[in-house]
Structures are given as structure tokens and as C-alpha cells.
Amino acid sequence: MDRWGPKAWKSSRIAGDMERFVDDVLSEVPARMMRRRPATDMYETPDSYVLRTELPGVAIDDVDISAAGGMLTIRGERRAPEGVKDDQYHSCEMYYGPISRSISIPEQVDINSVEATHENGVMEIRMPKTREAAAHRINVKPKSSGQ
């Protein structure tokens, strides 16, 4: 749902279709062999953009967030339990290893004021809008009766 540029609707729809296609193809690849992209939601408030991404089992110290060239990149690693060997597993459906996701962000983001929090496996990144882009209220005054 990129709404940040003149071609955003068309490009975001194509990007979404491509992501779904890649996800379908890669769903046949064993989880241990592929890099995972965490699911994300992004919404807008009057003064900021908020990105929420699923990072269950990823320690805060194993997360790196960077922004450059209109993209926000989240990288992390979900570590396997220590001391458990491959031949000890009866079932192994969880993915362990690198996780990465890059998302386009609007030009109106004040990059120097971005903050991230992590709770219950969900990373929330608040990206304040630049002063020029923040919504502001316009007061309506009554018209003078003498004019």
C-alpha cells in the first residue's frame, strides 16, 4: 500500500503481485534453506507513519534497522536453541536464521526522529513526518456581517 508517489498505486500493486508470486514459489523450498521476510503493516497518523513487523523469537540485540534512499530495512536473526542437534528433532517447522525486509518510506519522514520499540514479538517503528508534511488544523472564522 505505497501511497507516496504519482505511480505508487500501480507500482505497489505490481510489487504486491510479485511478492505473492515469489512467496508461492518459495513456499515449496524448505524453511531452513531460505531467508525469511517478516510480515508488516504500515499505517499513517496525522503526525507520523507507523510500521509494525512480526519478529517472534528475535532478540532486540539481533535486530538492525537502517534507512537510506527512501527505503527502511529491518534485518535480524532468529537463533536456534543452543545445544539441540539436527538429529534430535522430531519435527522442525520453525525457521532459524537471517530475516530481512525492506520497505519504501515516504519522503516526508523525519529520519532523525524515527523510534522503534519491541514487545511480544512485534517491532513497532514510528516515523514522524517532517514539519512541512504534518497535518495541521485550519481554523474557520465566522464571516463579518458588514461585508
N, C-alpha and C. Protein backbone atom coordinates (compact mmCIF):
# COMPACT_ATOMS: atom_id res chain seq x y z
N MET A 1 0.82 -1.18 0.00
CA MET A 1 0.00 0.00 0.00
C MET A 1 0.87 1.25 0.00
N ASP A 2 1.70 1.39 -1.01
CA ASP A 2 2.53 2.58 -1.11
C ASP A 2 1.71 3.70 -1.71
N ARG A 3 1.64 4.82 -0.98
CA ARG A 3 0.88 5.96 -1.48
C ARG A 3 1.77 7.18 -1.60
N TRP A 4 3.04 6.97 -1.83
CA TRP A 4 3.98 8.07 -1.67
C TRP A 4 4.39 8.73 -2.98
N GLY A 5 3.97 8.26 -4.10
CA GLY A 5 4.40 8.87 -5.34
C GLY A 5 3.31 8.79 -6.39
N PRO A 6 3.51 9.45 -7.53
CA PRO A 6 2.48 9.51 -8.56
C PRO A 6 2.15 8.14 -9.15
N LYS A 7 3.11 7.24 -9.21
CA LYS A 7 2.86 5.92 -9.77
C LYS A 7 2.74 4.87 -8.68
N ALA A 8 2.55 5.31 -7.44
CA ALA A 8 2.60 4.40 -6.30
C ALA A 8 1.55 3.31 -6.36
N TRP A 9 0.30 3.64 -6.73
CA TRP A 9 -0.74 2.62 -6.74
C TRP A 9 -0.38 1.50 -7.69
N LYS A 10 -0.02 1.88 -8.90
CA LYS A 10 0.31 0.87 -9.90
C LYS A 10 1.55 0.08 -9.48
N SER A 11 2.59 0.76 -9.03
CA SER A 11 3.82 0.06 -8.68
C SER A 11 3.63 -0.79 -7.43
N SER A 12 2.82 -0.35 -6.45
CA SER A 12 2.62 -1.15 -5.26
C SER A 12 1.80 -2.39 -5.58
N ARG A 13 0.86 -2.27 -6.50
CA ARG A 13 0.06 -3.43 -6.89
C ARG A 13 0.95 -4.44 -7.60
N ILE A 14 1.79 -3.98 -8.50
CA ILE A 14 2.72 -4.88 -9.20
C ILE A 14 3.68 -5.50 -8.20
N ALA A 15 4.20 -4.68 -7.28
CA ALA A 15 5.12 -5.21 -6.26
C ALA A 15 4.43 -6.26 -5.40
N GLY A 16 3.18 -6.00 -5.03
CA GLY A 16 2.43 -6.97 -4.24
C GLY A 16 2.21 -8.27 -5.00
N ASP A 17 1.87 -8.15 -6.28
CA ASP A 17 1.68 -9.35 -7.10
C ASP A 17 2.99 -10.14 -7.20
N MET A 18 4.09 -9.43 -7.38
CA MET A 18 5.39 -10.10 -7.46
C MET A 18 5.74 -10.79 -6.15
N GLU A 19 5.49 -10.11 -5.02
CA GLU A 19 5.77 -10.71 -3.71
C GLU A 19 4.95 -11.98 -3.52
N ARG A 20 3.67 -11.95 -3.88
CA ARG A 20 2.82 -13.14 -3.74
C ARG A 20 3.33 -14.27 -4.63
N PHE A 21 3.76 -13.94 -5.85
CA PHE A 21 4.29 -14.96 -6.76
C PHE A 21 5.54 -15.59 -6.17
N VAL A 22 6.47 -14.75 -5.69
CA VAL A 22 7.70 -15.26 -5.09
C VAL A 22 7.39 -16.09 -3.86
N ASP A 23 6.47 -15.62 -3.02
CA ASP A 23 6.09 -16.39 -1.83
C ASP A 23 5.53 -17.75 -2.21
N ASP A 24 4.69 -17.80 -3.26
CA ASP A 24 4.13 -19.08 -3.70
C ASP A 24 5.22 -20.03 -4.17
N VAL A 25 6.15 -19.53 -4.97
CA VAL A 25 7.24 -20.36 -5.48
C VAL A 25 8.12 -20.83 -4.33
N LEU A 26 8.48 -19.90 -3.43
CA LEU A 26 9.38 -20.24 -2.34
C LEU A 26 8.72 -21.07 -1.25
N SER A 27 7.39 -21.15 -1.24
CA SER A 27 6.73 -21.95 -0.20
C SER A 27 7.08 -23.43 -0.34
N GLU A 28 7.55 -23.82 -1.50
CA GLU A 28 7.94 -25.22 -1.71
C GLU A 28 9.38 -25.49 -1.25
N VAL A 29 10.14 -24.44 -0.95
CA VAL A 29 11.53 -24.59 -0.50
C VAL A 29 11.53 -24.81 1.01
N PRO A 30 12.30 -25.78 1.51
CA PRO A 30 12.35 -25.99 2.96
C PRO A 30 12.73 -24.71 3.69
N ALA A 31 12.09 -24.48 4.83
CA ALA A 31 12.27 -23.23 5.58
C ALA A 31 13.72 -22.97 5.95
N ARG A 32 14.49 -23.99 6.26
CA ARG A 32 15.88 -23.79 6.66
C ARG A 32 16.75 -23.29 5.51
N MET A 33 16.26 -23.38 4.28
CA MET A 33 17.09 -23.01 3.13
C MET A 33 16.83 -21.60 2.63
N MET A 34 15.88 -20.90 3.19
CA MET A 34 15.57 -19.59 2.63
C MET A 34 15.60 -18.48 3.67
N ARG A 35 15.84 -17.31 3.22
CA ARG A 35 15.80 -16.11 4.07
C ARG A 35 14.35 -15.68 4.19
N ARG A 36 13.94 -15.36 5.38
CA ARG A 36 12.54 -15.01 5.63
C ARG A 36 12.31 -13.51 5.64
N ARG A 37 11.15 -13.11 5.16
CA ARG A 37 10.71 -11.72 5.22
C ARG A 37 9.55 -11.65 6.20
N PRO A 38 9.70 -10.91 7.27
CA PRO A 38 8.60 -10.83 8.24
C PRO A 38 7.41 -10.05 7.69
N ALA A 39 6.22 -10.44 8.12
CA ALA A 39 5.00 -9.73 7.72
C ALA A 39 5.01 -8.34 8.34
N THR A 40 4.48 -7.36 7.60
CA THR A 40 4.46 -5.98 8.10
C THR A 40 3.10 -5.34 7.81
N ASP A 41 2.78 -4.36 8.64
CA ASP A 41 1.65 -3.46 8.43
C ASP A 41 2.22 -2.05 8.50
N MET A 42 1.67 -1.15 7.72
CA MET A 42 2.09 0.25 7.81
C MET A 42 0.84 1.11 7.70
N TYR A 43 0.73 2.06 8.62
CA TYR A 43 -0.40 2.97 8.58
C TYR A 43 0.07 4.38 8.91
N GLU A 44 -0.82 5.33 8.65
CA GLU A 44 -0.50 6.74 8.81
C GLU A 44 -1.38 7.37 9.88
N THR A 45 -0.77 8.20 10.71
CA THR A 45 -1.50 9.02 11.67
C THR A 45 -1.31 10.47 11.23
N PRO A 46 -1.97 11.43 11.86
CA PRO A 46 -1.78 12.81 11.43
C PRO A 46 -0.33 13.30 11.49
N ASP A 47 0.47 12.75 12.42
CA ASP A 47 1.83 13.26 12.56
C ASP A 47 2.94 12.25 12.29
N SER A 48 2.59 11.01 11.94
CA SER A 48 3.64 10.02 11.69
C SER A 48 3.15 8.86 10.85
N TYR A 49 4.10 8.05 10.40
CA TYR A 49 3.83 6.77 9.76
C TYR A 49 4.27 5.71 10.76
N VAL A 50 3.51 4.64 10.87
CA VAL A 50 3.83 3.59 11.83
C VAL A 50 3.96 2.27 11.07
N LEU A 51 5.10 1.63 11.27
CA LEU A 51 5.35 0.33 10.66
C LEU A 51 5.41 -0.70 11.78
N ARG A 52 4.64 -1.77 11.65
CA ARG A 52 4.67 -2.86 12.62
C ARG A 52 5.10 -4.12 11.88
N THR A 53 6.04 -4.84 12.45
CA THR A 53 6.52 -6.06 11.80
C THR A 53 6.67 -7.19 12.81
N GLU A 54 6.35 -8.39 12.38
CA GLU A 54 6.44 -9.55 13.24
C GLU A 54 7.89 -10.03 13.34
N LEU A 55 8.38 -10.13 14.57
CA LEU A 55 9.73 -10.64 14.80
C LEU A 55 9.74 -11.60 15.99
N PRO A 56 8.85 -12.60 16.01
CA PRO A 56 8.83 -13.51 17.15
C PRO A 56 10.13 -14.30 17.24
N GLY A 57 10.63 -14.43 18.45
CA GLY A 57 11.85 -15.21 18.66
C GLY A 57 13.12 -14.50 18.27
N VAL A 58 13.03 -13.23 17.89
CA VAL A 58 14.22 -12.47 17.52
C VAL A 58 14.55 -11.52 18.67
N ALA A 59 15.74 -11.65 19.23
CA ALA A 59 16.17 -10.79 20.33
C ALA A 59 16.43 -9.37 19.82
N ILE A 60 16.15 -8.39 20.65
CA ILE A 60 16.37 -6.99 20.28
C ILE A 60 17.81 -6.76 19.83
N ASP A 61 18.76 -7.40 20.50
CA ASP A 61 20.17 -7.23 20.14
C ASP A 61 20.50 -7.80 18.76
N ASP A 62 19.63 -8.63 18.23
CA ASP A 62 19.85 -9.23 16.91
C ASP A 62 19.09 -8.52 15.80
N VAL A 63 18.58 -7.31 16.09
CA VAL A 63 17.83 -6.54 15.10
C VAL A 63 18.63 -5.30 14.70
N ASP A 64 18.66 -5.04 13.40
CA ASP A 64 19.32 -3.84 12.87
C ASP A 64 18.32 -3.15 11.95
N ILE A 65 18.10 -1.86 12.19
CA ILE A 65 17.18 -1.08 11.37
C ILE A 65 17.97 0.07 10.75
N SER A 66 17.85 0.23 9.44
CA SER A 66 18.55 1.33 8.77
C SER A 66 17.63 1.95 7.73
N ALA A 67 17.92 3.20 7.39
CA ALA A 67 17.14 3.92 6.38
C ALA A 67 18.10 4.61 5.43
N ALA A 68 17.85 4.42 4.13
CA ALA A 68 18.66 5.08 3.11
C ALA A 68 17.90 5.02 1.78
N GLY A 69 18.01 6.07 1.00
CA GLY A 69 17.43 6.09 -0.33
C GLY A 69 15.95 5.81 -0.40
N GLY A 70 15.20 6.30 0.59
CA GLY A 70 13.76 6.10 0.60
C GLY A 70 13.32 4.70 1.01
N MET A 71 14.24 3.93 1.56
CA MET A 71 13.92 2.57 1.99
C MET A 71 14.29 2.40 3.46
N LEU A 72 13.43 1.68 4.18
CA LEU A 72 13.71 1.30 5.56
C LEU A 72 13.98 -0.20 5.52
N THR A 73 15.11 -0.63 6.07
CA THR A 73 15.48 -2.04 6.06
C THR A 73 15.58 -2.56 7.48
N ILE A 74 14.92 -3.68 7.71
CA ILE A 74 14.95 -4.35 9.01
C ILE A 74 15.66 -5.68 8.79
N ARG A 75 16.71 -5.90 9.55
CA ARG A 75 17.44 -7.17 9.48
C ARG A 75 17.52 -7.75 10.87
N GLY A 76 17.47 -9.04 10.94
CA GLY A 76 17.59 -9.70 12.23
C GLY A 76 17.97 -11.15 12.04
N GLU A 77 18.03 -11.85 13.16
CA GLU A 77 18.33 -13.27 13.10
C GLU A 77 17.59 -13.99 14.22
N ARG A 78 16.89 -15.02 13.83
CA ARG A 78 16.24 -15.89 14.81
C ARG A 78 17.19 -17.05 15.04
N ARG A 79 17.67 -17.13 16.28
CA ARG A 79 18.66 -18.15 16.61
C ARG A 79 18.00 -19.44 17.08
N ALA A 80 18.57 -20.56 16.65
CA ALA A 80 18.09 -21.88 17.07
C ALA A 80 18.47 -22.10 18.54
N PRO A 81 17.73 -22.93 19.23
CA PRO A 81 18.07 -23.23 20.63
C PRO A 81 19.48 -23.83 20.71
N GLU A 82 20.22 -23.37 21.68
CA GLU A 82 21.59 -23.88 21.86
C GLU A 82 21.56 -25.31 22.36
N GLY A 83 22.49 -26.10 21.88
CA GLY A 83 22.65 -27.46 22.36
C GLY A 83 21.76 -28.50 21.71
N VAL A 84 20.86 -28.10 20.84
CA VAL A 84 19.98 -29.06 20.17
C VAL A 84 20.58 -29.38 18.81
N LYS A 85 20.82 -30.66 18.56
CA LYS A 85 21.42 -31.10 17.30
C LYS A 85 20.31 -31.49 16.31
N ASP A 86 20.63 -31.42 15.04
CA ASP A 86 19.66 -31.73 14.00
C ASP A 86 19.03 -33.11 14.18
N ASP A 87 19.80 -34.09 14.58
CA ASP A 87 19.26 -35.44 14.70
C ASP A 87 18.37 -35.63 15.94
N GLN A 88 18.26 -34.59 16.77
CA GLN A 88 17.40 -34.67 17.95
C GLN A 88 15.96 -34.21 17.67
N TYR A 89 15.76 -33.56 16.55
CA TYR A 89 14.43 -33.04 16.23
C TYR A 89 13.49 -34.15 15.79
N HIS A 90 12.27 -34.11 16.29
CA HIS A 90 11.19 -34.97 15.80
C HIS A 90 10.40 -34.21 14.75
N SER A 91 10.36 -32.88 14.89
CA SER A 91 9.67 -32.00 13.97
C SER A 91 10.42 -30.67 13.97
N CYS A 92 10.54 -30.06 12.82
CA CYS A 92 11.24 -28.77 12.75
C CYS A 92 10.57 -27.92 11.68
N GLU A 93 9.59 -27.12 12.10
CA GLU A 93 8.86 -26.24 11.19
C GLU A 93 9.24 -24.78 11.35
N MET A 94 9.85 -24.44 12.48
CA MET A 94 10.23 -23.04 12.71
C MET A 94 11.49 -22.72 11.90
N TYR A 95 11.57 -21.48 11.48
CA TYR A 95 12.73 -21.02 10.71
C TYR A 95 13.73 -20.38 11.65
N TYR A 96 14.98 -20.76 11.51
CA TYR A 96 16.07 -20.13 12.24
C TYR A 96 17.06 -19.60 11.21
N GLY A 97 17.52 -18.40 11.44
CA GLY A 97 18.47 -17.80 10.52
C GLY A 97 18.14 -16.35 10.26
N PRO A 98 18.72 -15.80 9.19
CA PRO A 98 18.55 -14.37 8.90
C PRO A 98 17.14 -14.04 8.45
N ILE A 99 16.71 -12.85 8.86
CA ILE A 99 15.41 -12.30 8.47
C ILE A 99 15.68 -10.90 7.94
N SER A 100 15.03 -10.53 6.85
CA SER A 100 15.27 -9.21 6.27
C SER A 100 14.02 -8.73 5.55
N ARG A 101 13.76 -7.44 5.67
CA ARG A 101 12.64 -6.83 4.96
C ARG A 101 12.97 -5.38 4.67
N SER A 102 12.79 -4.95 3.43
CA SER A 102 12.98 -3.56 3.03
C SER A 102 11.64 -3.02 2.55
N ILE A 103 11.32 -1.82 3.03
CA ILE A 103 10.03 -1.21 2.72
C ILE A 103 10.26 0.23 2.30
N SER A 104 9.59 0.65 1.23
CA SER A 104 9.73 2.04 0.82
C SER A 104 9.00 2.93 1.82
N ILE A 105 9.62 4.06 2.11
CA ILE A 105 9.04 5.01 3.05
C ILE A 105 8.84 6.34 2.35
N PRO A 106 7.87 7.11 2.80
CA PRO A 106 7.59 8.40 2.17
C PRO A 106 8.74 9.39 2.36
N GLU A 107 8.85 10.31 1.43
CA GLU A 107 9.87 11.36 1.52
C GLU A 107 9.66 12.26 2.74
N GLN A 108 8.42 12.33 3.23
CA GLN A 108 8.08 13.24 4.32
C GLN A 108 8.48 12.73 5.69
N VAL A 109 9.25 11.65 5.79
CA VAL A 109 9.66 11.11 7.08
C VAL A 109 10.87 11.87 7.61
N ASP A 110 10.79 12.24 8.89
CA ASP A 110 11.93 12.88 9.58
C ASP A 110 12.83 11.74 10.09
N ILE A 111 13.77 11.34 9.26
CA ILE A 111 14.64 10.18 9.54
C ILE A 111 15.35 10.31 10.88
N ASN A 112 15.72 11.50 11.28
CA ASN A 112 16.47 11.70 12.53
C ASN A 112 15.61 11.50 13.78
N SER A 113 14.30 11.36 13.62
CA SER A 113 13.42 11.21 14.79
C SER A 113 12.71 9.86 14.84
N VAL A 114 13.12 8.92 14.01
CA VAL A 114 12.49 7.60 13.98
C VAL A 114 12.79 6.86 15.27
N GLU A 115 11.77 6.19 15.83
CA GLU A 115 11.95 5.41 17.06
C GLU A 115 11.36 4.02 16.87
N ALA A 116 11.98 3.02 17.50
CA ALA A 116 11.49 1.65 17.40
C ALA A 116 11.33 1.06 18.79
N THR A 117 10.26 0.28 18.95
CA THR A 117 10.03 -0.45 20.20
C THR A 117 9.74 -1.90 19.85
N HIS A 118 9.95 -2.78 20.80
CA HIS A 118 9.74 -4.22 20.58
C HIS A 118 8.98 -4.78 21.78
N GLU A 119 7.84 -5.42 21.50
CA GLU A 119 7.05 -6.01 22.57
C GLU A 119 6.30 -7.22 22.04
N ASN A 120 6.39 -8.32 22.77
CA ASN A 120 5.66 -9.54 22.43
C ASN A 120 5.89 -10.00 20.99
N GLY A 121 7.12 -9.88 20.51
CA GLY A 121 7.44 -10.35 19.17
C GLY A 121 7.05 -9.43 18.04
N VAL A 122 6.62 -8.21 18.37
CA VAL A 122 6.25 -7.24 17.33
C VAL A 122 7.12 -5.99 17.48
N MET A 123 7.78 -5.61 16.40
CA MET A 123 8.58 -4.40 16.36
C MET A 123 7.69 -3.29 15.80
N GLU A 124 7.62 -2.16 16.52
CA GLU A 124 6.85 -1.02 16.04
C GLU A 124 7.83 0.12 15.79
N ILE A 125 7.81 0.64 14.58
CA ILE A 125 8.70 1.73 14.19
C ILE A 125 7.85 2.94 13.88
N ARG A 126 8.04 4.00 14.67
CA ARG A 126 7.30 5.25 14.47
C ARG A 126 8.21 6.21 13.71
N MET A 127 7.68 6.70 12.59
CA MET A 127 8.44 7.60 11.71
C MET A 127 7.70 8.93 11.63
N PRO A 128 8.10 9.89 12.46
CA PRO A 128 7.43 11.20 12.44
C PRO A 128 7.54 11.86 11.06
N LYS A 129 6.49 12.58 10.71
CA LYS A 129 6.52 13.34 9.47
C LYS A 129 7.35 14.60 9.67
N THR A 130 7.91 15.08 8.58
CA THR A 130 8.61 16.35 8.65
C THR A 130 7.59 17.43 9.01
N ARG A 131 8.07 18.50 9.54
CA ARG A 131 7.17 19.58 9.98
C ARG A 131 6.26 20.05 8.84
N GLU A 132 6.81 20.12 7.63
CA GLU A 132 6.04 20.59 6.48
C GLU A 132 4.92 19.61 6.12
N ALA A 133 5.13 18.31 6.36
CA ALA A 133 4.16 17.30 5.95
C ALA A 133 3.12 17.00 7.02
N ALA A 134 3.39 17.36 8.25
CA ALA A 134 2.45 17.05 9.33
C ALA A 134 1.12 17.77 9.11
N ALA A 135 0.06 17.07 9.39
CA ALA A 135 -1.27 17.68 9.23
C ALA A 135 -1.44 18.81 10.23
N HIS A 136 -2.06 19.86 9.80
CA HIS A 136 -2.34 20.95 10.72
C HIS A 136 -3.78 21.41 10.52
N ARG A 137 -4.33 21.87 11.59
CA ARG A 137 -5.72 22.28 11.59
C ARG A 137 -5.83 23.74 11.14
N ILE A 138 -6.82 24.00 10.32
CA ILE A 138 -7.09 25.36 9.86
C ILE A 138 -8.39 25.80 10.52
N ASN A 139 -8.31 26.87 11.28
CA ASN A 139 -9.48 27.39 11.98
C ASN A 139 -10.37 28.15 11.01
N VAL A 140 -11.64 27.94 11.13
CA VAL A 140 -12.63 28.64 10.30
C VAL A 140 -13.24 29.74 11.16
N LYS A 141 -13.22 30.96 10.63
CA LYS A 141 -13.76 32.11 11.36
C LYS A 141 -15.09 32.51 10.75
N PRO A 142 -15.96 33.02 11.57
CA PRO A 142 -17.24 33.50 11.01
C PRO A 142 -17.00 34.73 10.13
N LYS A 143 -17.78 34.85 9.11
CA LYS A 143 -17.66 35.99 8.21
C LYS A 143 -18.30 37.19 8.88
N SER A 144 -17.66 38.33 8.76
CA SER A 144 -18.22 39.55 9.34
C SER A 144 -19.51 39.91 8.64
N SER A 145 -20.48 40.41 9.41
CA SER A 145 -21.79 40.74 8.83
C SER A 145 -21.76 42.01 8.00
N GLY A 146 -20.74 42.85 8.18
CA GLY A 146 -20.68 44.12 7.45
C GLY A 146 -20.05 44.00 6.08
N GLN A 147 -19.70 42.86 5.60
CA GLN A 147 -19.02 42.76 4.31
C GLN A 147 -19.85 42.08 3.28
